[in-house]
C-alpha atoms as a PDB file:
ATOM      1  CA  UNK A   1     -37.344  77.244 193.187  1.00  0.00           C
ATOM      2  CA  UNK A   2     -36.944  79.823 190.541  1.00  0.00           C
ATOM      3  CA  UNK A   3     -34.053  78.898 187.693  1.00  0.00           C
ATOM      4  CA  UNK A   4     -32.009  82.301 188.523  1.00  0.00           C
ATOM      5  CA  UNK A   5     -32.333  80.848 192.283  1.00  0.00           C
ATOM      6  CA  UNK A   6     -31.583  77.069 190.789  1.00  0.00           C
ATOM      7  CA  UNK A   7     -28.390  78.280 188.869  1.00  0.00           C
ATOM      8  CA  UNK A   8     -27.065  80.251 192.092  1.00  0.00           C
ATOM      9  CA  UNK A   9     -26.927  77.007 193.878  1.00  0.00           C
ATOM     10  CA  UNK A  10     -25.435  75.457 191.257  1.00  0.00           C
ATOM     11  CA  UNK A  11     -22.588  78.105 191.141  1.00  0.00           C
ATOM     12  CA  UNK A  12     -21.990  78.494 194.808  1.00  0.00           C
ATOM     13  CA  UNK A  13     -21.828  73.907 194.765  1.00  0.00           C
ATOM     14  CA  UNK A  14     -19.792  74.261 192.009  1.00  0.00           C
ATOM     15  CA  UNK A  15     -16.963  77.411 193.948  1.00  0.00           C
ATOM     16  CA  UNK A  16     -17.182  74.482 196.688  1.00  0.00           C
ATOM     17  CA  UNK A  17     -16.218  71.957 194.876  1.00  0.00           C
ATOM     18  CA  UNK A  18     -13.248  73.686 192.617  1.00  0.00           C
ATOM     19  CA  UNK A  19     -11.601  75.294 195.985  1.00  0.00           C
ATOM     20  CA  UNK A  20     -11.978  72.015 197.701  1.00  0.00           C
ATOM     21  CA  UNK A  21     -10.091  71.117 194.751  1.00  0.00           C
ATOM     22  CA  UNK A  22      -7.797  73.618 194.763  1.00  0.00           C
ATOM     23  CA  UNK A  23      -6.991  72.640 197.898  1.00  0.00           C
ATOM     24  CA  UNK A  24      -6.418  68.852 197.374  1.00  0.00           C
ATOM     25  CA  UNK A  25      -3.420  69.614 194.710  1.00  0.00           C
ATOM     26  CA  UNK A  26      -1.957  72.615 196.873  1.00  0.00           C
ATOM     27  CA  UNK A  27      -1.615  69.918 199.341  1.00  0.00           C
ATOM     28  CA  UNK A  28      -0.036  67.958 197.366  1.00  0.00           C
ATOM     29  CA  UNK A  29       3.032  70.544 196.166  1.00  0.00           C
ATOM     30  CA  UNK A  30       3.280  71.593 199.324  1.00  0.00           C
ATOM     31  CA  UNK A  31       6.470  70.825 201.902  1.00  0.00           C
ATOM     32  CA  UNK A  32       6.328  71.910 204.744  1.00  0.00           C
ATOM     33  CA  UNK A  33       4.148  70.301 206.729  1.00  0.00           C
ATOM     34  CA  UNK A  34       2.719  73.013 208.497  1.00  0.00           C
ATOM     35  CA  UNK A  35       1.637  74.812 205.436  1.00  0.00           C
ATOM     36  CA  UNK A  36       0.025  71.082 203.780  1.00  0.00           C
ATOM     37  CA  UNK A  37      -1.458  70.978 207.258  1.00  0.00           C
ATOM     38  CA  UNK A  38      -3.157  74.244 207.051  1.00  0.00           C
ATOM     39  CA  UNK A  39      -3.782  73.558 203.554  1.00  0.00           C
ATOM     40  CA  UNK A  40      -5.445  70.687 204.628  1.00  0.00           C
ATOM     41  CA  UNK A  41      -7.707  71.664 207.395  1.00  0.00           C
ATOM     42  CA  UNK A  42      -9.416  74.502 204.761  1.00  0.00           C
ATOM     43  CA  UNK A  43     -10.141  71.917 201.715  1.00  0.00           C
ATOM     44  CA  UNK A  44     -11.591  69.591 204.986  1.00  0.00           C
ATOM     45  CA  UNK A  45     -13.265  73.572 205.429  1.00  0.00           C
ATOM     46  CA  UNK A  46     -14.395  73.717 201.199  1.00  0.00           C
ATOM     47  CA  UNK A  47     -16.035  69.856 201.628  1.00  0.00           C
ATOM     48  CA  UNK A  48     -18.162  70.670 204.788  1.00  0.00           C
ATOM     49  CA  UNK A  49     -19.885  73.352 203.437  1.00  0.00           C
ATOM     50  CA  UNK A  50     -20.449  71.709 200.187  1.00  0.00           C
ATOM     51  CA  UNK A  51     -22.172  69.793 201.894  1.00  0.00           C
ATOM     52  CA  UNK A  52     -23.866  71.599 204.034  1.00  0.00           C
ATOM     53  CA  UNK A  53     -25.203  72.968 201.320  1.00  0.00           C
ATOM     54  CA  UNK A  54     -26.193  70.230 199.215  1.00  0.00           C
ATOM     55  CA  UNK A  55     -27.759  68.588 202.555  1.00  0.00           C
ATOM     56  CA  UNK A  56     -30.134  71.780 202.520  1.00  0.00           C
ATOM     57  CA  UNK A  57     -31.449  71.108 199.045  1.00  0.00           C
END
């Protein structure tokens, strides 16, 4: 892999971690149970994307 490709992968993994963290923080602040459940689902999706992408490496 080239250095540019590795930087892209690093950025993509970092973005997924950031999105997951933001969703986790939102879940802690949200009071509405339906909205909280939705935010948890999105958090889990980003966690899955990160894990799948990382496992490809």
